[in-house]
Protein backbone atom coordinates (compact mmCIF):
# COMPACT_ATOMS: atom_id res chain seq x y z
CA MET A 1 -0.13 -0.14 0.29
CA SER A 2 0.98 3.23 -0.45
CA THR A 3 2.54 5.76 2.07
CA ILE A 4 -0.11 8.16 3.58
CA ALA A 5 -0.20 11.36 5.67
CA ALA A 6 -2.54 13.60 7.13
CA ILE A 7 -2.95 15.88 10.31
CA SER A 8 -4.08 14.04 13.06
CA THR A 9 -5.22 16.78 15.55
CA PRO A 10 -7.91 19.37 15.09
CA ASP A 11 -7.65 21.75 12.55
CA SER A 12 -7.47 24.76 14.72
CA PRO A 13 -4.69 26.76 16.74
CA GLY A 14 -3.32 24.61 19.60
CA GLY A 15 -0.42 24.12 21.88
CA ILE A 16 0.86 21.08 19.51
CA ALA A 17 0.04 19.56 16.20
CA VAL A 18 0.48 16.00 15.29
CA ILE A 19 0.71 14.83 11.33
CA ARG A 20 0.90 11.20 10.78
CA ILE A 21 2.75 9.41 8.05
CA SER A 22 1.82 5.39 7.48
CA GLY A 23 3.26 3.11 5.16
CA GLU A 24 6.23 1.19 3.67
CA ASP A 25 8.12 4.77 2.86
CA ALA A 26 7.14 6.31 6.09
CA ILE A 27 10.59 6.56 7.63
CA SER A 28 12.36 7.79 4.68
CA THR A 29 9.55 9.80 3.75
CA ALA A 30 10.18 11.89 7.16
CA GLU A 31 13.95 11.65 6.82
CA ARG A 32 13.36 14.02 3.82
CA VAL A 33 11.39 16.58 5.86
CA PHE A 34 13.12 16.15 9.07
CA ARG A 35 16.84 16.78 10.31
CA PRO A 36 17.32 15.99 14.13
CA PHE A 37 19.80 17.56 16.04
CA GLY A 38 23.32 15.93 16.71
CA GLU A 39 24.62 12.89 15.23
CA LYS A 40 21.57 10.90 15.02
CA LYS A 41 19.99 9.54 11.74
CA VAL A 42 15.85 8.89 11.39
CA ALA A 43 16.54 6.07 9.40
CA ASP A 44 18.47 4.15 12.40
CA MET A 45 15.62 5.44 14.85
CA ALA A 46 14.21 2.22 16.64
CA GLY A 47 10.59 2.12 17.03
CA TYR A 48 8.76 3.79 19.93
CA THR A 49 12.09 6.47 20.14
CA CYS A 50 11.92 10.31 19.51
CA ALA A 51 14.25 12.55 18.35
CA TYR A 52 14.17 16.59 18.42
CA GLY A 53 14.83 18.13 15.16
CA ILE A 54 13.83 20.88 12.53
CA ALA A 55 10.91 20.45 10.01
CA HIS A 56 12.26 21.58 6.34
CA ASP A 57 11.70 22.08 3.00
CA ASN A 58 14.78 21.36 0.87
CA GLY A 59 16.95 22.85 3.93
CA GLU A 60 14.28 25.95 4.28
CA ARG A 61 13.51 25.59 7.88
CA ILE A 62 9.70 25.21 8.85
CA ASP A 63 9.75 24.48 12.35
CA ASP A 64 10.98 22.92 15.47
CA CYS A 65 9.42 19.54 15.88
CA ILE A 66 9.88 15.98 17.73
CA LEU A 67 9.71 12.85 15.58
CA THR A 68 8.17 9.74 16.84
CA VAL A 69 9.03 6.57 14.98
CA PHE A 70 7.00 3.26 15.49
CA ARG A 71 8.40 0.30 13.08
CA ASP A 72 6.08 -2.20 11.51
CA PRO A 73 4.42 -4.33 12.97
CA ASN A 74 4.24 -2.44 16.51
CA SER A 75 2.37 0.71 15.37
CA TYR A 76 -1.15 1.87 15.44
CA THR A 77 -1.72 0.81 11.57
CA GLY A 78 0.94 -2.18 11.76
CA GLU A 79 2.93 -0.36 9.28
CA ASP A 80 6.23 1.67 9.60
CA THR A 81 4.86 5.01 11.08
CA ALA A 82 6.24 8.38 11.71
CA GLU A 83 4.32 11.29 13.83
CA ILE A 84 5.79 14.85 13.92
CA SER A 85 4.65 16.72 16.50
CA CYS A 86 5.37 20.70 15.88
CA HIS A 87 3.93 23.98 17.10
CA GLY A 88 0.04 24.19 16.68
CA GLY A 89 -0.20 26.58 14.07
CA ILE A 90 -2.61 25.91 11.31
CA TYR A 91 -0.52 27.71 8.59
CA VAL A 92 2.78 26.10 9.84
CA THR A 93 0.83 22.49 10.31
CA ARG A 94 -0.46 22.69 6.62
CA LYS A 95 3.18 23.84 5.57
CA ILE A 96 4.63 20.88 7.00
CA LEU A 97 2.13 18.51 5.95
CA ARG A 98 2.29 19.67 2.22
CA THR A 99 6.14 19.33 2.62
CA ILE A 100 5.43 15.80 3.35
CA LEU A 101 2.95 15.22 0.40
CA LYS A 102 5.88 17.15 -2.11
CA ASN A 103 8.37 14.31 -0.84
CA GLY A 104 6.38 11.03 -1.65
CA ALA A 105 3.64 10.45 0.42
CA GLU A 106 -0.18 10.74 -0.39
CA PRO A 107 -3.11 12.45 1.21
CA ALA A 108 -4.69 10.36 4.00
CA GLN A 109 -8.74 9.60 3.24
CA PRO A 110 -11.03 9.57 6.05
CA GLY A 111 -10.57 6.69 8.47
CA GLU A 112 -7.79 5.47 6.38
CA PHE A 113 -5.02 5.07 9.46
CA THR A 114 -7.58 2.92 11.26
CA LYS A 115 -8.46 1.00 8.10
CA ARG A 116 -5.14 -0.18 7.46
CA ALA A 117 -5.03 -0.91 11.15
CA TYR A 118 -8.25 -3.21 10.49
CA LEU A 119 -6.32 -4.54 7.08
CA ASN A 120 -3.31 -5.52 9.01
CA GLY A 121 -5.01 -7.40 11.49
CA LYS A 122 -4.58 -4.89 14.54
CA LEU A 123 -8.31 -4.57 14.95
CA ASP A 124 -11.12 -6.34 14.37
CA LEU A 125 -14.00 -4.21 12.24
CA THR A 126 -16.30 -3.81 15.71
CA GLN A 127 -12.89 -2.49 17.46
CA ALA A 128 -12.38 0.00 14.83
CA GLU A 129 -15.77 1.07 14.76
CA ALA A 130 -15.35 1.69 18.62
CA VAL A 131 -12.42 4.30 17.90
CA MET A 132 -14.97 6.83 16.73
CA GLU A 133 -17.22 5.99 19.80
CA ILE A 134 -14.28 7.01 22.07
CA ILE A 135 -13.66 9.81 19.78
CA SER A 136 -17.34 11.12 19.88
CA ALA A 137 -17.60 10.00 23.68
CA LYS A 138 -19.52 13.35 25.38
CA GLY A 139 -19.73 11.95 28.75
CA GLU A 140 -17.90 9.18 31.53
CA ARG A 141 -20.44 6.61 30.93
CA GLU A 142 -20.42 6.94 27.11
CA LEU A 143 -16.66 6.77 27.38
CA LYS A 144 -16.58 3.56 28.92
CA MET A 145 -19.32 1.73 26.72
CA ALA A 146 -16.87 2.86 23.81
CA GLU A 147 -13.93 1.36 25.68
CA ASN A 148 -15.39 -1.80 26.30
CA LEU A 149 -16.28 -1.94 22.48
CA ARG A 150 -12.94 -1.02 21.74
CA GLU A 151 -11.42 -3.72 24.09
CA GLY A 152 -13.28 -6.34 21.93
CA ALA A 153 -16.38 -6.89 23.84
CA ALA A 154 -18.82 -7.36 20.76
CA PHE A 155 -16.21 -9.33 19.13
CA ARG A 156 -15.84 -11.59 21.87
CA HIS A 157 -19.69 -12.40 21.91
CA ALA A 158 -20.19 -12.36 18.09
CA LYS A 159 -17.04 -14.78 17.96
CA LYS A 160 -18.41 -16.87 21.00
CA CYS A 161 -21.79 -17.13 18.60
CA SER A 162 -20.02 -17.62 15.22
CA ASP A 163 -17.87 -20.81 16.70
CA MET A 164 -21.23 -22.08 18.45
CA LEU A 165 -22.62 -22.20 15.03
CA MET A 166 -19.91 -23.36 12.86
CA ARG A 167 -19.31 -26.28 15.44
CA ILE A 168 -23.06 -27.25 14.63
CA LEU A 169 -22.60 -26.90 10.90
CA GLY A 170 -19.67 -29.20 11.44
CA ASP A 171 -21.66 -31.92 12.87
CA LEU A 172 -24.19 -31.59 10.32
CA ALA A 173 -21.74 -31.80 7.90
CA ALA A 174 -19.91 -34.72 8.73
CA TRP A 175 -23.33 -36.07 9.71
CA ALA A 176 -24.63 -35.75 5.83
CA ASP A 177 -21.51 -36.22 4.29
CA TYR A 178 -20.42 -39.53 5.82
CA PRO A 179 -23.23 -41.38 6.50
CA GLU A 180 -21.17 -45.02 6.35
CA GLU A 181 -19.06 -43.83 8.96
CA ASP A 182 -19.73 -44.78 12.75
CA ILE A 183 -20.83 -41.03 13.61
CA PRO A 184 -23.19 -40.11 15.82
CA SER A 185 -26.52 -38.90 14.27
CA VAL A 186 -27.65 -35.27 15.10
CA GLU A 187 -30.55 -34.96 17.30
CA PRO A 188 -33.00 -32.12 16.69
CA GLU A 189 -33.23 -31.46 20.70
CA ARG A 190 -29.62 -31.35 21.05
CA LEU A 191 -29.53 -28.49 18.10
CA ILE A 192 -32.31 -27.06 19.61
CA CYS A 193 -30.63 -26.36 23.13
CA ASP A 194 -27.31 -25.46 21.30
CA LEU A 195 -29.13 -23.02 19.14
CA THR A 196 -31.09 -21.40 22.08
CA ASP A 197 -27.74 -20.44 23.81
CA VAL A 198 -26.74 -18.72 20.65
CA LYS A 199 -30.21 -16.69 20.80
CA ASN A 200 -29.91 -15.92 24.09
CA ILE A 201 -26.24 -14.13 23.89
CA LEU A 202 -27.48 -12.52 20.52
CA SER A 203 -30.56 -11.27 21.81
CA SER A 204 -29.03 -9.46 24.91
CA LEU A 205 -26.82 -8.19 22.31
CA VAL A 206 -29.92 -6.34 20.55
CA GLU A 207 -31.91 -5.80 23.75
CA ASN A 208 -28.71 -3.63 25.50
CA TYR A 209 -28.85 -1.36 22.23
CA ASP A 210 -31.10 1.29 22.95
CA CYS A 211 -29.26 1.59 26.35
CA GLY A 212 -26.14 2.14 24.53
CA ARG A 213 -27.39 4.24 21.35
CA ILE A 214 -28.88 6.90 23.91
CA LEU A 215 -25.82 7.52 25.48
CA ARG A 216 -24.06 7.63 22.33
CA GLU A 217 -26.50 9.83 20.44
CA GLY A 218 -28.58 11.50 23.14
CA ILE A 219 -32.02 11.68 24.22
CA SER A 220 -34.05 13.72 22.17
CA THR A 221 -36.13 15.72 24.68
CA ALA A 222 -39.13 17.93 23.93
CA ILE A 223 -39.70 21.04 26.52
CA VAL A 224 -43.58 21.51 26.50
CA GLY A 225 -46.06 23.64 28.72
CA ARG A 226 -48.50 26.61 28.69
CA PRO A 227 -46.89 29.72 28.19
CA ASN A 228 -44.80 31.82 31.19
CA VAL A 229 -44.34 28.59 33.19
CA GLY A 230 -40.47 28.50 32.77
CA LYS A 231 -40.02 26.54 29.69
CA SER A 232 -37.52 28.79 28.31
CA THR A 233 -35.80 29.29 31.44
CA LEU A 234 -35.34 25.97 32.00
CA PHE A 235 -33.71 25.43 28.72
CA ASN A 236 -31.51 28.27 29.26
CA CYS A 237 -30.55 26.73 32.77
CA LEU A 238 -29.61 23.13 31.02
CA SER A 239 -28.06 24.89 27.83
CA GLY A 240 -25.77 27.05 30.26
CA CYS A 241 -26.60 30.42 28.14
CA GLU A 242 -29.52 32.42 26.89
CA ARG A 243 -30.26 30.31 23.78
CA SER A 244 -34.20 31.10 24.30
CA ILE A 245 -35.66 34.39 24.80
CA VAL A 246 -37.20 34.68 28.37
CA THR A 247 -40.00 37.37 28.81
CA ASP A 248 -43.33 37.73 30.63
CA ILE A 249 -44.81 37.86 27.30
CA ALA A 250 -46.88 35.06 26.51
CA GLY A 251 -46.39 33.87 23.28
CA THR A 252 -42.22 34.82 23.35
CA THR A 253 -41.66 31.45 21.87
CA ARG A 254 -42.95 30.28 18.53
CA ASP A 255 -40.51 28.11 17.19
CA VAL A 256 -38.77 25.13 18.08
CA ILE A 257 -35.31 26.07 19.39
CA GLU A 258 -32.73 23.16 19.98
CA GLU A 259 -29.38 22.61 22.09
CA THR A 260 -27.57 19.31 22.76
CA VAL A 261 -26.66 19.70 26.26
CA THR A 262 -24.75 16.94 28.84
CA LEU A 263 -26.85 16.60 32.22
CA GLY A 264 -24.29 14.70 34.28
CA ASP A 265 -23.28 11.84 31.97
CA ILE A 266 -26.44 12.01 29.93
CA VAL A 267 -26.76 13.88 26.69
CA LEU A 268 -29.88 15.58 26.16
CA ARG A 269 -30.79 16.85 22.53
CA LEU A 270 -33.52 19.38 23.91
CA SER A 271 -36.10 21.27 21.86
CA ASP A 272 -37.70 24.37 23.66
CA THR A 273 -41.12 24.54 21.97
CA ALA A 274 -43.94 27.61 22.05
CA GLY A 275 -46.39 27.24 24.66
CA ILE A 276 -49.48 24.97 24.26
CA HIS A 277 -52.41 27.06 24.69
CA THR A 278 -55.89 27.86 23.20
CA THR A 279 -55.17 31.09 21.00
CA ASN A 280 -56.99 32.98 17.70
CA ASP A 281 -53.30 33.50 16.69
CA VAL A 282 -52.33 32.07 13.51
CA ILE A 283 -48.83 32.57 13.92
CA GLU A 284 -49.23 30.95 17.40
CA GLU A 285 -51.61 28.12 16.36
CA ILE A 286 -48.19 26.70 14.06
CA GLY A 287 -45.82 27.22 16.53
CA ILE A 288 -48.22 25.01 18.92
CA GLY A 289 -48.87 22.52 16.12
CA ILE A 290 -45.07 22.01 15.69
CA ALA A 291 -44.57 21.66 19.51
CA GLU A 292 -47.27 18.84 20.07
CA LYS A 293 -45.73 17.00 17.16
CA THR A 294 -42.19 17.59 18.55
CA ALA A 295 -43.64 15.95 21.90
CA GLN A 296 -45.34 13.05 19.92
CA SER A 297 -42.03 12.06 18.29
CA ALA A 298 -39.84 12.87 21.31
CA GLU A 299 -37.84 9.91 23.16
CA LEU A 300 -38.86 12.15 26.47
CA VAL A 301 -40.98 14.90 27.11
CA ILE A 302 -40.27 17.56 30.23
CA ALA A 303 -43.86 18.96 30.77
CA VAL A 304 -43.33 22.24 33.31
CA PHE A 305 -46.02 23.48 35.17
CA ASP A 306 -46.10 26.61 37.10
CA GLY A 307 -45.78 25.45 40.92
CA SER A 308 -47.10 29.07 42.11
CA CYS A 309 -50.49 29.32 40.58
CA THR A 310 -53.30 26.68 40.19
CA LEU A 311 -53.65 24.72 37.30
CA THR A 312 -55.66 26.10 34.10
CA LYS A 313 -58.01 25.02 31.73
CA ASP A 314 -54.51 24.73 29.11
CA ASP A 315 -52.86 22.80 31.93
CA PHE A 316 -55.44 20.20 31.86
CA ILE A 317 -55.41 20.08 27.87
CA LEU A 318 -51.75 19.51 27.84
CA ILE A 319 -51.99 16.66 30.69
CA ASP A 320 -54.41 14.85 28.68
CA LYS A 321 -52.21 15.24 25.59
CA ILE A 322 -49.03 14.03 26.94
CA LYS A 323 -49.68 11.63 30.06
CA LYS A 324 -49.28 8.42 28.34
CA LEU A 325 -45.95 9.52 27.04
CA LYS A 326 -42.31 8.87 28.48
CA CYS A 327 -42.80 11.97 30.48
CA VAL A 328 -41.45 13.94 33.76
CA ALA A 329 -43.29 16.30 35.35
CA VAL A 330 -41.51 19.59 36.10
CA ILE A 331 -43.02 21.73 39.14
CA ASN A 332 -41.25 24.69 38.58
CA LYS A 333 -40.70 27.89 40.53
CA SER A 334 -40.36 26.34 43.83
CA ASP A 335 -38.52 29.35 45.20
CA GLU A 336 -42.26 30.95 45.49
CA GLU A 337 -45.17 29.99 47.52
CA ASN A 338 -46.88 26.31 45.98
CA LEU A 339 -50.40 26.89 45.19
CA ILE A 340 -50.64 24.06 42.22
CA ASP A 341 -52.64 21.17 43.40
CA ASP A 342 -49.58 18.70 42.73
CA ARG A 343 -51.70 15.69 43.45
CA ILE A 344 -53.31 16.28 39.86
CA ILE A 345 -49.87 16.14 38.44
CA LYS A 346 -48.86 12.91 40.37
CA ASP A 347 -51.91 11.10 39.60
CA ASN A 348 -50.96 11.38 35.77
CA PHE A 349 -47.55 11.55 35.88
CA ILE A 350 -45.32 8.47 36.96
CA HIS A 351 -42.32 11.00 37.52
CA THR A 352 -42.27 14.46 39.34
CA VAL A 353 -39.62 16.87 39.81
CA TYR A 354 -39.63 20.21 41.71
CA LEU A 355 -37.17 22.68 40.89
CA SER A 356 -36.34 26.62 40.45
CA ALA A 357 -35.24 26.91 36.93
CA LYS A 358 -34.67 30.74 37.69
CA GLU A 359 -32.39 29.70 40.79
CA ASN A 360 -30.89 26.84 39.51
CA LYS A 361 -32.03 24.36 41.95
CA GLY A 362 -33.41 21.10 41.40
CA ILE A 363 -31.38 20.19 38.12
CA ASP A 364 -29.50 17.07 39.93
CA LYS A 365 -32.99 15.47 40.69
CA LEU A 366 -34.15 15.97 37.34
CA LYS A 367 -30.75 14.20 36.32
CA LEU A 368 -31.26 11.24 38.69
CA THR A 369 -35.20 11.03 37.30
CA ILE A 370 -34.08 10.79 33.98
CA GLU A 371 -31.51 8.31 34.62
CA ASN A 372 -33.77 5.99 36.62
CA ILE A 373 -36.54 6.62 33.43
CA PHE A 374 -33.89 4.94 30.79
CA SER A 375 -32.57 2.90 33.01
CA ILE A 376 -29.27 4.31 33.02
CA ASN A 377 -26.87 3.02 35.41
CA GLU A 378 -23.54 0.92 35.94
CA THR A 379 -24.39 -2.19 34.80
CA THR A 380 -25.91 -0.67 31.65
CA ILE A 381 -22.55 0.88 31.01
CA ASN A 382 -20.87 -2.33 31.43
CA THR A 383 -23.29 -4.46 29.19
CA VAL A 384 -22.21 -5.29 25.76
CA SER A 385 -24.71 -4.04 23.04
CA ALA A 386 -24.15 -3.41 19.04
CA ALA A 387 -22.66 -0.26 18.83
CA ASN A 388 -23.97 0.99 15.73
CA GLU A 389 -26.77 0.32 12.77
CA ARG A 390 -24.70 -1.89 10.77
CA GLN A 391 -23.71 -3.96 13.68
CA LYS A 392 -27.30 -4.15 14.63
CA ARG A 393 -28.78 -4.95 11.45
CA CYS A 394 -26.13 -8.08 11.75
CA ILE A 395 -27.12 -9.39 14.74
CA ASP A 396 -30.85 -8.81 13.84
CA SER A 397 -30.32 -10.90 10.77
CA ALA A 398 -28.52 -13.80 12.78
CA LEU A 399 -30.87 -13.58 15.46
CA GLU A 400 -33.69 -13.80 12.58
CA CYS A 401 -32.04 -17.20 11.03
CA VAL A 402 -31.39 -18.52 14.28
CA ASN A 403 -35.06 -18.34 15.34
CA ASN A 404 -36.28 -19.62 11.97
CA SER A 405 -33.68 -22.84 12.24
CA ILE A 406 -35.51 -23.31 15.89
CA SER A 407 -38.73 -23.08 14.46
CA ALA A 408 -37.70 -25.02 11.37
CA LEU A 409 -36.65 -28.15 13.91
CA ARG A 410 -39.28 -28.13 15.77
CA SER A 411 -41.96 -28.19 12.80
CA GLY A 412 -39.73 -31.46 11.89
CA GLU A 413 -37.84 -29.67 8.62
CA MET A 414 -35.24 -31.31 7.04
CA LEU A 415 -31.64 -31.18 8.43
CA ASP A 416 -30.69 -29.80 5.03
CA ALA A 417 -33.10 -26.94 5.45
CA VAL A 418 -31.91 -26.21 8.78
CA ASN A 419 -28.26 -26.51 7.45
CA VAL A 420 -29.11 -23.50 5.23
CA LEU A 421 -30.34 -21.23 7.96
CA ILE A 422 -27.81 -21.87 10.50
CA ASP A 423 -24.94 -21.00 7.76
CA GLU A 424 -26.78 -18.02 6.78
CA ALA A 425 -26.46 -16.90 10.41
CA GLU A 426 -22.70 -17.30 10.31
CA GLN A 427 -22.35 -15.39 7.37
CA HIS A 428 -23.99 -12.46 9.20
CA LEU A 429 -21.86 -12.77 12.23
CA LEU A 430 -18.77 -12.95 10.21
CA GLU A 431 -19.70 -9.88 8.32
CA LEU A 432 -20.37 -8.08 11.79
CA THR A 433 -16.56 -9.03 13.14
CA GLY A 434 -15.03 -8.03 9.55
CA GLU A 435 -14.09 -11.51 8.71
CA ARG A 436 -16.13 -12.03 5.68
CA VAL A 437 -17.18 -8.47 4.74
CA THR A 438 -17.19 -7.14 1.16
CA ASN A 439 -15.23 -4.05 0.29
CA ALA A 440 -18.14 -1.89 0.33
CA VAL A 441 -18.92 -2.40 3.49
CA VAL A 442 -15.43 -1.69 4.50
CA ASP A 443 -15.18 1.70 2.91
CA ASN A 444 -18.59 2.78 4.10
CA VAL A 445 -17.64 2.01 7.94
CA PHE A 446 -14.14 4.32 7.31
CA SER A 447 -15.96 6.84 5.52
CA ARG A 448 -17.59 8.04 8.73
CA PHE A 449 -13.94 8.67 10.12
CA CYS A 450 -11.95 12.21 10.09
CA VAL A 451 -9.58 12.19 8.06
CA GLY A 452 -6.38 11.93 10.87
CA LYS A 453 -7.83 8.74 12.07
């Protein structure tokens, strides 16, 4: 494969920047653009060693740098790799990269370094995908799940199922191909027992997927309520900035305002909606319609009620529309005298939280409540699940084949038909791990990576 290079740190000013070079000619390419101070030569550098010197373009000094060398196969990519660490200015970093490209390297494509790690056997496909999960992690729990995947947890579970299916296929093949030999017959009941074990493992991977997806992608959350109950104040409180305009005038928020926020270790994709109430204003009606649709499609609804006054007709209309949704009822303005009949709220909603968005009090209770609703705890963090839709699709397909094979055995189908279903399940698991996957699938996986990774 060709020698590639790219900037592996963010394309913005910083203390340092790193340009990575990988491939058969990585060391010689680095030697043409980097000159160590002293007598040391780049070509003689051992793996896992560094040298201080300058990056230059035909002798013209560009910057003081440090060169780190990794020798094949003990590098991230499994190839000879060199990394130049320079001052983190955008211009100087790009100039060094241009000089490297001028001296024989080719620009790396998105995810190409990790793709080479996969192709060189340093990572399986599930571990490679976990790299981007680590990079995009927004909280401690999300990071822990990504690290579990990076350590091969999903691969080990899929591999265990694959090995079990392969053993079953081997038994079926031996029994069918050598009938004259003294080979024990394959008993349907034993096959059903073995396939049920596979089914249970695959089912757990699917069942844990939603929890993992929520931690990775966040929970789509709609903040709803009648006008002036403190929706926008709560939205701003959670966002940490003045994203929504807050006034005493009803109908100030007419459109949906969105923001992604981190609440503890939970990511919420918040939507501040127009106040839901009866109105003759055409523009307000449009905003209210959008607010209702947003609430219906959200994974979580935060319904805000004003604790400093009694429930109104608009409050009761809202309760009737959302009480069957996954919802947290927030009784706001707890810093004022409580006049609301909170028994009505508790009769209609499982989860109720008292807070003062204005005083930023009670947010921790809201966080814990949301964690409980979605069953997010240390146990779920350490469970293994599919990391993305590609993996889930492979697991779903394998699970369907396993279920169909169990049903076929119970209905007395010929073992040849069962063999076909089990073999198909095996193929889906091999696609999951990358042991048998098309180039198009591999290209699609790594196309979502950043260039320097």
